[in-house]
PDB file of all heavy atoms in Angstrom:
ATOM      1  N   PRO A   1      40.224 -18.780  84.463  1.00  0.00           N
ATOM      2  CA  PRO A   1      39.156 -19.302  83.567  1.00  0.00           C
ATOM      3  C   PRO A   1      37.878 -19.723  84.256  1.00  0.00           C
ATOM      4  O   PRO A   1      37.821 -19.763  85.520  1.00  0.00           O
ATOM      5  CB  PRO A   1      39.905 -20.530  82.987  1.00  0.00           C
ATOM      6  CG  PRO A   1      40.891 -21.012  83.985  1.00  0.00           C
ATOM      7  CD  PRO A   1      41.421 -19.670  84.607  1.00  0.00           C
ATOM      8  N   VAL A   2      36.856 -19.946  83.464  1.00  0.00           N
ATOM      9  CA  VAL A   2      35.783 -20.784  83.923  1.00  0.00           C
ATOM     10  C   VAL A   2      35.924 -22.224  83.478  1.00  0.00           C
ATOM     11  O   VAL A   2      36.175 -22.540  82.314  1.00  0.00           O
ATOM     12  CB  VAL A   2      34.482 -20.243  83.312  1.00  0.00           C
ATOM     13  CG1 VAL A   2      33.296 -21.224  83.433  1.00  0.00           C
ATOM     14  CG2 VAL A   2      33.997 -18.866  83.893  1.00  0.00           C
ATOM     15  N   LEU A   3      35.901 -23.102  84.374  1.00  0.00           N
ATOM     16  CA  LEU A   3      35.981 -24.515  84.203  1.00  0.00           C
ATOM     17  C   LEU A   3      34.845 -25.159  85.014  1.00  0.00           C
ATOM     18  O   LEU A   3      35.013 -25.463  86.156  1.00  0.00           O
ATOM     19  CB  LEU A   3      37.332 -25.116  84.641  1.00  0.00           C
ATOM     20  CG  LEU A   3      38.621 -24.436  84.170  1.00  0.00           C
ATOM     21  CD1 LEU A   3      39.824 -25.085  84.854  1.00  0.00           C
ATOM     22  CD2 LEU A   3      38.652 -24.532  82.665  1.00  0.00           C
ATOM     23  N   ASP A   4      33.690 -25.332  84.325  1.00  0.00           N
ATOM     24  CA  ASP A   4      32.434 -25.625  85.116  1.00  0.00           C
ATOM     25  C   ASP A   4      31.349 -26.123  84.255  1.00  0.00           C
ATOM     26  O   ASP A   4      31.328 -25.818  83.076  1.00  0.00           O
ATOM     27  CB  ASP A   4      32.011 -24.403  85.953  1.00  0.00           C
ATOM     28  CG  ASP A   4      31.243 -24.715  87.170  1.00  0.00           C
ATOM     29  OD1 ASP A   4      30.931 -25.964  87.454  1.00  0.00           O
ATOM     30  OD2 ASP A   4      30.747 -23.697  87.851  1.00  0.00           O
ATOM     31  N   GLN A   5      30.344 -26.685  84.919  1.00  0.00           N
ATOM     32  CA  GLN A   5      29.072 -26.993  84.274  1.00  0.00           C
ATOM     33  C   GLN A   5      28.254 -25.739  84.499  1.00  0.00           C
ATOM     34  O   GLN A   5      28.252 -25.047  85.538  1.00  0.00           O
ATOM     35  CB  GLN A   5      28.338 -28.193  84.858  1.00  0.00           C
ATOM     36  CG  GLN A   5      27.072 -28.478  84.122  1.00  0.00           C
ATOM     37  CD  GLN A   5      26.411 -29.813  84.500  1.00  0.00           C
ATOM     38  OE1 GLN A   5      25.545 -30.330  83.824  1.00  0.00           O
ATOM     39  NE2 GLN A   5      26.862 -30.438  85.581  1.00  0.00           N
ATOM     40  N   THR A   6      27.441 -25.318  83.497  1.00  0.00           N
ATOM     41  CA  THR A   6      26.570 -24.172  83.542  1.00  0.00           C
ATOM     42  C   THR A   6      25.169 -24.571  84.085  1.00  0.00           C
ATOM     43  O   THR A   6      24.933 -25.752  84.373  1.00  0.00           O
ATOM     44  CB  THR A   6      26.385 -23.516  82.137  1.00  0.00           C
ATOM     45  OG1 THR A   6      25.542 -24.417  81.398  1.00  0.00           O
ATOM     46  CG2 THR A   6      27.778 -23.435  81.447  1.00  0.00           C
ATOM     47  N   PRO A   7      24.401 -23.583  84.356  1.00  0.00           N
ATOM     48  CA  PRO A   7      22.979 -23.930  84.770  1.00  0.00           C
ATOM     49  C   PRO A   7      22.158 -24.727  83.771  1.00  0.00           C
ATOM     50  O   PRO A   7      21.085 -25.251  84.206  1.00  0.00           O
ATOM     51  CB  PRO A   7      22.355 -22.499  84.972  1.00  0.00           C
ATOM     52  CG  PRO A   7      23.475 -21.571  85.286  1.00  0.00           C
ATOM     53  CD  PRO A   7      24.590 -22.030  84.472  1.00  0.00           C
ATOM     54  N   LEU A   8      22.624 -24.811  82.565  1.00  0.00           N
ATOM     55  CA  LEU A   8      22.015 -25.643  81.545  1.00  0.00           C
ATOM     56  C   LEU A   8      22.547 -27.110  81.698  1.00  0.00           C
ATOM     57  O   LEU A   8      23.783 -27.313  81.472  1.00  0.00           O
ATOM     58  CB  LEU A   8      22.208 -25.142  80.155  1.00  0.00           C
ATOM     59  CG  LEU A   8      21.625 -23.702  79.827  1.00  0.00           C
ATOM     60  CD1 LEU A   8      22.051 -23.268  78.487  1.00  0.00           C
ATOM     61  CD2 LEU A   8      20.114 -23.690  80.026  1.00  0.00           C
ATOM     62  N   SER A   9      21.708 -28.018  82.196  1.00  0.00           N
ATOM     63  CA  SER A   9      22.314 -29.308  82.465  1.00  0.00           C
ATOM     64  C   SER A   9      22.890 -29.943  81.185  1.00  0.00           C
ATOM     65  O   SER A   9      22.311 -30.000  80.085  1.00  0.00           O
ATOM     66  CB  SER A   9      21.059 -30.217  82.890  1.00  0.00           C
ATOM     67  OG  SER A   9      21.597 -31.507  83.165  1.00  0.00           O
ATOM     68  N   GLY A  10      24.169 -30.367  81.387  1.00  0.00           N
ATOM     69  CA  GLY A  10      24.864 -31.085  80.315  1.00  0.00           C
ATOM     70  C   GLY A  10      25.727 -30.065  79.494  1.00  0.00           C
ATOM     71  O   GLY A  10      26.452 -30.500  78.530  1.00  0.00           O
ATOM     72  N   PHE A  11      25.713 -28.787  79.846  1.00  0.00           N
ATOM     73  CA  PHE A  11      26.526 -27.782  79.045  1.00  0.00           C
ATOM     74  C   PHE A  11      27.677 -27.349  79.939  1.00  0.00           C
ATOM     75  O   PHE A  11      27.418 -26.670  81.025  1.00  0.00           O
ATOM     76  CB  PHE A  11      25.564 -26.636  78.670  1.00  0.00           C
ATOM     77  CG  PHE A  11      26.257 -25.567  77.824  1.00  0.00           C
ATOM     78  CD1 PHE A  11      27.127 -25.967  76.798  1.00  0.00           C
ATOM     79  CD2 PHE A  11      26.124 -24.253  78.035  1.00  0.00           C
ATOM     80  CE1 PHE A  11      27.748 -24.950  75.944  1.00  0.00           C
ATOM     81  CE2 PHE A  11      26.696 -23.234  77.268  1.00  0.00           C
ATOM     82  CZ  PHE A  11      27.539 -23.618  76.220  1.00  0.00           C
ATOM     83  N   PHE A  12      28.840 -27.549  79.515  1.00  0.00           N
ATOM     84  CA  PHE A  12      30.110 -27.275  80.323  1.00  0.00           C
ATOM     85  C   PHE A  12      30.854 -26.155  79.523  1.00  0.00           C
ATOM     86  O   PHE A  12      30.803 -26.108  78.260  1.00  0.00           O
ATOM     87  CB  PHE A  12      30.932 -28.487  80.426  1.00  0.00           C
ATOM     88  CG  PHE A  12      30.285 -29.597  81.208  1.00  0.00           C
ATOM     89  CD1 PHE A  12      29.269 -30.407  80.654  1.00  0.00           C
ATOM     90  CD2 PHE A  12      30.653 -29.773  82.525  1.00  0.00           C
ATOM     91  CE1 PHE A  12      28.627 -31.353  81.368  1.00  0.00           C
ATOM     92  CE2 PHE A  12      30.014 -30.826  83.264  1.00  0.00           C
ATOM     93  CZ  PHE A  12      29.038 -31.730  82.681  1.00  0.00           C
ATOM     94  N   ILE A  13      31.590 -25.360  80.247  1.00  0.00           N
ATOM     95  CA  ILE A  13      32.429 -24.305  79.641  1.00  0.00           C
ATOM     96  C   ILE A  13      33.895 -24.406  80.233  1.00  0.00           C
ATOM     97  O   ILE A  13      34.113 -24.550  81.414  1.00  0.00           O
ATOM     98  CB  ILE A  13      31.893 -22.973  79.928  1.00  0.00           C
ATOM     99  CG1 ILE A  13      30.482 -22.771  79.208  1.00  0.00           C
ATOM    100  CG2 ILE A  13      32.836 -21.851  79.456  1.00  0.00           C
ATOM    101  CD1 ILE A  13      29.859 -21.454  79.445  1.00  0.00           C
ATOM    102  N   ALA A  14      34.866 -24.292  79.257  1.00  0.00           N
ATOM    103  CA  ALA A  14      36.257 -24.138  79.568  1.00  0.00           C
ATOM    104  C   ALA A  14      36.802 -22.986  78.743  1.00  0.00           C
ATOM    105  O   ALA A  14      37.050 -23.151  77.533  1.00  0.00           O
ATOM    106  CB  ALA A  14      37.015 -25.426  79.365  1.00  0.00           C
ATOM    107  N   THR A  15      36.841 -21.768  79.323  1.00  0.00           N
ATOM    108  CA  THR A  15      37.204 -20.621  78.555  1.00  0.00           C
ATOM    109  C   THR A  15      37.732 -19.603  79.538  1.00  0.00           C
ATOM    110  O   THR A  15      37.781 -19.732  80.756  1.00  0.00           O
ATOM    111  CB  THR A  15      36.005 -20.086  77.761  1.00  0.00           C
ATOM    112  OG1 THR A  15      36.451 -19.199  76.686  1.00  0.00           O
ATOM    113  CG2 THR A  15      35.021 -19.348  78.601  1.00  0.00           C
ATOM    114  N   GLY A  16      38.222 -18.380  79.017  1.00  0.00           N
ATOM    115  CA  GLY A  16      38.683 -17.314  79.741  1.00  0.00           C
ATOM    116  C   GLY A  16      40.208 -17.647  80.203  1.00  0.00           C
ATOM    117  O   GLY A  16      40.528 -17.207  81.390  1.00  0.00           O
ATOM    118  N   LEU A  17      40.942 -18.326  79.433  1.00  0.00           N
ATOM    119  CA  LEU A  17      42.261 -18.725  79.823  1.00  0.00           C
ATOM    120  C   LEU A  17      43.255 -17.586  79.946  1.00  0.00           C
ATOM    121  O   LEU A  17      44.365 -17.749  80.410  1.00  0.00           O
ATOM    122  CB  LEU A  17      42.818 -19.891  79.045  1.00  0.00           C
ATOM    123  CG  LEU A  17      41.988 -21.227  79.223  1.00  0.00           C
ATOM    124  CD1 LEU A  17      42.177 -22.124  78.111  1.00  0.00           C
ATOM    125  CD2 LEU A  17      42.270 -21.875  80.609  1.00  0.00           C
ATOM    126  N   SER A  18      42.894 -16.429  79.508  1.00  0.00           N
ATOM    127  CA  SER A  18      43.464 -15.137  79.786  1.00  0.00           C
ATOM    128  C   SER A  18      44.958 -15.046  79.446  1.00  0.00           C
ATOM    129  O   SER A  18      45.751 -14.412  80.153  1.00  0.00           O
ATOM    130  CB  SER A  18      43.310 -14.777  81.208  1.00  0.00           C
ATOM    131  OG  SER A  18      41.889 -14.754  81.556  1.00  0.00           O
ATOM    132  N   GLY A  19      45.389 -15.721  78.290  1.00  0.00           N
ATOM    133  CA  GLY A  19      46.718 -15.530  77.841  1.00  0.00           C
ATOM    134  C   GLY A  19      47.690 -16.482  78.322  1.00  0.00           C
ATOM    135  O   GLY A  19      48.854 -16.413  78.106  1.00  0.00           O
ATOM    136  N   HIS A  20      47.277 -17.413  79.242  1.00  0.00           N
ATOM    137  CA  HIS A  20      48.153 -18.497  79.742  1.00  0.00           C
ATOM    138  C   HIS A  20      47.525 -19.858  79.556  1.00  0.00           C
ATOM    139  O   HIS A  20      47.700 -20.745  80.444  1.00  0.00           O
ATOM    140  CB  HIS A  20      48.617 -18.131  81.186  1.00  0.00           C
ATOM    141  CG  HIS A  20      47.437 -17.811  82.103  1.00  0.00           C
ATOM    142  ND1 HIS A  20      47.098 -16.467  82.367  1.00  0.00           N
ATOM    143  CD2 HIS A  20      46.577 -18.522  82.835  1.00  0.00           C
ATOM    144  CE1 HIS A  20      46.070 -16.394  83.259  1.00  0.00           C
ATOM    145  NE2 HIS A  20      45.760 -17.588  83.504  1.00  0.00           N
ATOM    146  N   GLY A  21      46.745 -19.995  78.552  1.00  0.00           N
ATOM    147  CA  GLY A  21      46.010 -21.198  78.339  1.00  0.00           C
ATOM    148  C   GLY A  21      46.797 -22.343  77.625  1.00  0.00           C
ATOM    149  O   GLY A  21      46.514 -23.544  77.808  1.00  0.00           O
ATOM    150  N   PHE A  22      47.794 -21.990  76.834  1.00  0.00           N
ATOM    151  CA  PHE A  22      48.486 -22.945  76.062  1.00  0.00           C
ATOM    152  C   PHE A  22      49.237 -23.976  77.080  1.00  0.00           C
ATOM    153  O   PHE A  22      49.050 -25.158  76.959  1.00  0.00           O
ATOM    154  CB  PHE A  22      49.494 -22.391  75.158  1.00  0.00           C
ATOM    155  CG  PHE A  22      50.381 -23.288  74.332  1.00  0.00           C
ATOM    156  CD1 PHE A  22      49.856 -24.119  73.370  1.00  0.00           C
ATOM    157  CD2 PHE A  22      51.781 -23.393  74.723  1.00  0.00           C
ATOM    158  CE1 PHE A  22      50.655 -24.959  72.715  1.00  0.00           C
ATOM    159  CE2 PHE A  22      52.554 -24.241  74.052  1.00  0.00           C
ATOM    160  CZ  PHE A  22      52.025 -25.065  72.900  1.00  0.00           C
ATOM    161  N   GLY A  23      49.896 -23.450  77.970  1.00  0.00           N
ATOM    162  CA  GLY A  23      50.675 -24.279  78.922  1.00  0.00           C
ATOM    163  C   GLY A  23      49.812 -25.146  79.698  1.00  0.00           C
ATOM    164  O   GLY A  23      50.117 -26.365  79.914  1.00  0.00           O
ATOM    165  N   ILE A  24      48.707 -24.637  80.205  1.00  0.00           N
ATOM    166  CA  ILE A  24      47.871 -25.369  81.117  1.00  0.00           C
ATOM    167  C   ILE A  24      46.854 -26.217  80.447  1.00  0.00           C
ATOM    168  O   ILE A  24      46.101 -27.003  80.955  1.00  0.00           O
ATOM    169  CB  ILE A  24      47.199 -24.389  82.175  1.00  0.00           C
ATOM    170  CG1 ILE A  24      46.701 -25.141  83.347  1.00  0.00           C
ATOM    171  CG2 ILE A  24      46.003 -23.642  81.439  1.00  0.00           C
ATOM    172  CD1 ILE A  24      46.119 -24.116  84.506  1.00  0.00           C
ATOM    173  N   GLY A  25      46.857 -26.076  79.076  1.00  0.00           N
ATOM    174  CA  GLY A  25      45.741 -26.749  78.233  1.00  0.00           C
ATOM    175  C   GLY A  25      45.564 -28.246  78.584  1.00  0.00           C
ATOM    176  O   GLY A  25      44.407 -28.613  78.794  1.00  0.00           O
ATOM    177  N   PRO A  26      46.593 -29.093  78.547  1.00  0.00           N
ATOM    178  CA  PRO A  26      46.317 -30.507  78.840  1.00  0.00           C
ATOM    179  C   PRO A  26      45.762 -30.687  80.226  1.00  0.00           C
ATOM    180  O   PRO A  26      44.914 -31.651  80.375  1.00  0.00           O
ATOM    181  CB  PRO A  26      47.650 -31.136  78.712  1.00  0.00           C
ATOM    182  CG  PRO A  26      48.496 -30.240  77.712  1.00  0.00           C
ATOM    183  CD  PRO A  26      47.993 -28.850  78.046  1.00  0.00           C
ATOM    184  N   GLY A  27      46.138 -29.927  81.218  1.00  0.00           N
ATOM    185  CA  GLY A  27      45.559 -30.041  82.516  1.00  0.00           C
ATOM    186  C   GLY A  27      44.108 -29.712  82.472  1.00  0.00           C
ATOM    187  O   GLY A  27      43.282 -30.335  83.235  1.00  0.00           O
ATOM    188  N   VAL A  28      43.733 -28.588  81.748  1.00  0.00           N
ATOM    189  CA  VAL A  28      42.323 -28.268  81.580  1.00  0.00           C
ATOM    190  C   VAL A  28      41.575 -29.414  80.931  1.00  0.00           C
ATOM    191  O   VAL A  28      40.453 -29.740  81.348  1.00  0.00           O
ATOM    192  CB  VAL A  28      42.164 -26.988  80.885  1.00  0.00           C
ATOM    193  CG1 VAL A  28      40.757 -26.693  80.474  1.00  0.00           C
ATOM    194  CG2 VAL A  28      42.788 -25.692  81.724  1.00  0.00           C
ATOM    195  N   GLY A  29      42.145 -29.982  79.957  1.00  0.00           N
ATOM    196  CA  GLY A  29      41.511 -31.091  79.178  1.00  0.00           C
ATOM    197  C   GLY A  29      41.287 -32.284  80.170  1.00  0.00           C
ATOM    198  O   GLY A  29      40.114 -32.907  80.124  1.00  0.00           O
ATOM    199  N   ARG A  30      42.184 -32.602  81.068  1.00  0.00           N
ATOM    200  CA  ARG A  30      41.931 -33.709  81.912  1.00  0.00           C
ATOM    201  C   ARG A  30      40.903 -33.378  82.947  1.00  0.00           C
ATOM    202  O   ARG A  30      39.992 -34.191  83.280  1.00  0.00           O
ATOM    203  CB  ARG A  30      43.326 -34.016  82.665  1.00  0.00           C
ATOM    204  CG  ARG A  30      43.247 -35.186  83.526  1.00  0.00           C
ATOM    205  CD  ARG A  30      43.026 -36.538  82.788  1.00  0.00           C
ATOM    206  NE  ARG A  30      41.566 -36.869  82.804  1.00  0.00           N
ATOM    207  CZ  ARG A  30      41.117 -37.971  82.079  1.00  0.00           C
ATOM    208  NH1 ARG A  30      41.896 -38.717  81.399  1.00  0.00           N
ATOM    209  NH2 ARG A  30      39.841 -38.232  82.216  1.00  0.00           N
ATOM    210  N   VAL A  31      40.971 -32.119  83.473  1.00  0.00           N
ATOM    211  CA  VAL A  31      39.851 -31.665  84.451  1.00  0.00           C
ATOM    212  C   VAL A  31      38.463 -31.687  83.806  1.00  0.00           C
ATOM    213  O   VAL A  31      37.553 -32.254  84.465  1.00  0.00           O
ATOM    214  CB  VAL A  31      40.074 -30.213  84.872  1.00  0.00           C
ATOM    215  CG1 VAL A  31      38.944 -29.571  85.521  1.00  0.00           C
ATOM    216  CG2 VAL A  31      41.286 -30.275  85.905  1.00  0.00           C
TER     217      VAL A  31
END
């Protein structure tokens, strides 16, 4: 995935979990 702030200040993205996002989801949420 992308887990990052973008070049637009204040705009963050968490996406591209590629079919294995359900399990890791709470970890992504904490990150």
